[in-house]
């Protein structure tokens, strides 16, 4: 970072040198243009004065008197306003001085035979003099007499092949300022880098669990702001870990209590399966509450930060927090209801599935179709409870992963003592041959199917949706069709039994 500041400062120095050189050359060009206007103005005025003189006279006789020439030069100086050191000269054909204003010693001993428009000539003292002659077509009468009008001025700058002082001074000042800026930038960058290195070392110590926090840097620069942000982040993570540890301990205590209860009731084989199911529901309830509470904790922290830094987004985040709380309460109530009522044993598999499908459609907003054959709908033993759990897990997978718009759920009597449960969606689908680490829904479905000796069939492909079909041979355990409601095929209660039903 320090080297970057040095390079940047040197780049600025070079730019300043280039700008100084351009400025010096512009000043020299302006000086030459002013001298040219000065000489041209004098030549025009002398040309006008020659109109009243004898055209047959020699150059000195034809020229106006010295006083008139002095007045012409002074008037031109007043109009053009050249440098005070500028002089106006009238030179004969041999480049001898006929007139000089202001008067003084002529600094140049020799002039070139043909004067260019602008010339930079050395004198005896090693100095340079700028000589600018007026255009000959500006004063044809003077040109006929062999008289040249020239403006001269001592040169201090480089230009037209020469060298001087202003540009070198600008260059030296630019380089000095740039070096100073580079040194200051390097010192600032080194100090900032040292502070940043100290902050990095503290963060690494925290990462290696050698320290619990960092010392916030003083000041208002970027390192101080970054240090305070790191410190607050570490404090928030520490509080979150403590909260998670506390909730984990509470959950473990509750699970242990439920486990001990299961162990006490395990002797009664009739209720063993019921207790295991209630324990599973209890664990689901704990997971739901823990997840909802964690989401609420995150939302509260987010609301606190938005209140301090971005109040405009507070309203939208409050709506999200309210939705999280409402969804957690709804899931908790559903879990409690399932613990209190065994819908499969009390109503039959068809009616229980109809209620589950209705709840799924209301919760997700998907378009769901449900069909249950009357005979299959009466199935109501422990294996029917397993099929019900398989259907619930399949619908949860659709909600979480499929991104579907339509779902078909069907309970079919195949006519040979076999029932088939199918859940088909038009979602994203997936490759059955690809591993899906972290997703245990399908694994759980397969394990439950094996528990009741059911045949599980999965069909899916990317972009083609997913179909889950479970076939179970139940034999004579299904209730006889009696047509009296109670989930047995009248089609008027909480779903449809015996014909297709469309649930928006």
Foldseek 3Di string as FASTA:
>chain_A
DLVVLLVVLVVQLVVLLVVLVVVQAVVVVVQLVLQQQLLLQLLLVQLVVLVPADLPDAPLRSGDDQVVSQVSSVVSCVVSVHDPQKKKFKAALLRDTPHIPPDDDDQAPDDDNDDDQWDWDAGPVRWIKIKGWHDCVSRVSCVVNRIIMIMMGTDAADDPHGHHDSSVVSSVVSVVVSVVSSVVSSVVVVVVVVLQVVLVVQVVCVVVVVDQADDQDDDDDPSNVVRVVRRVVSVVVVVVVVVVVVLVVVLVVVLVVLVVVLVVVVVPVVCNVLSVVLSVLVVVLSVLVVVLVVVLVVLVVVLVVCVVPPVVCNVVSVVVSVVSVVVSVVVNVVSVVVNVDVLCQQQNLQLLVLQVVLVLCVVQVAKEKEEAALQNRQQRDVLSVLVSVLVNLVSVCCSPPFPFRYKYWYWDDPPPQKIKTKIWTQGQWDDPPDDDPPDCSVVVSVVSLVVQVWDWDWDTDGRRTIMIMIMHRHPPNGDDQDCPHSRRAPQPPSGGYNDMDIDD
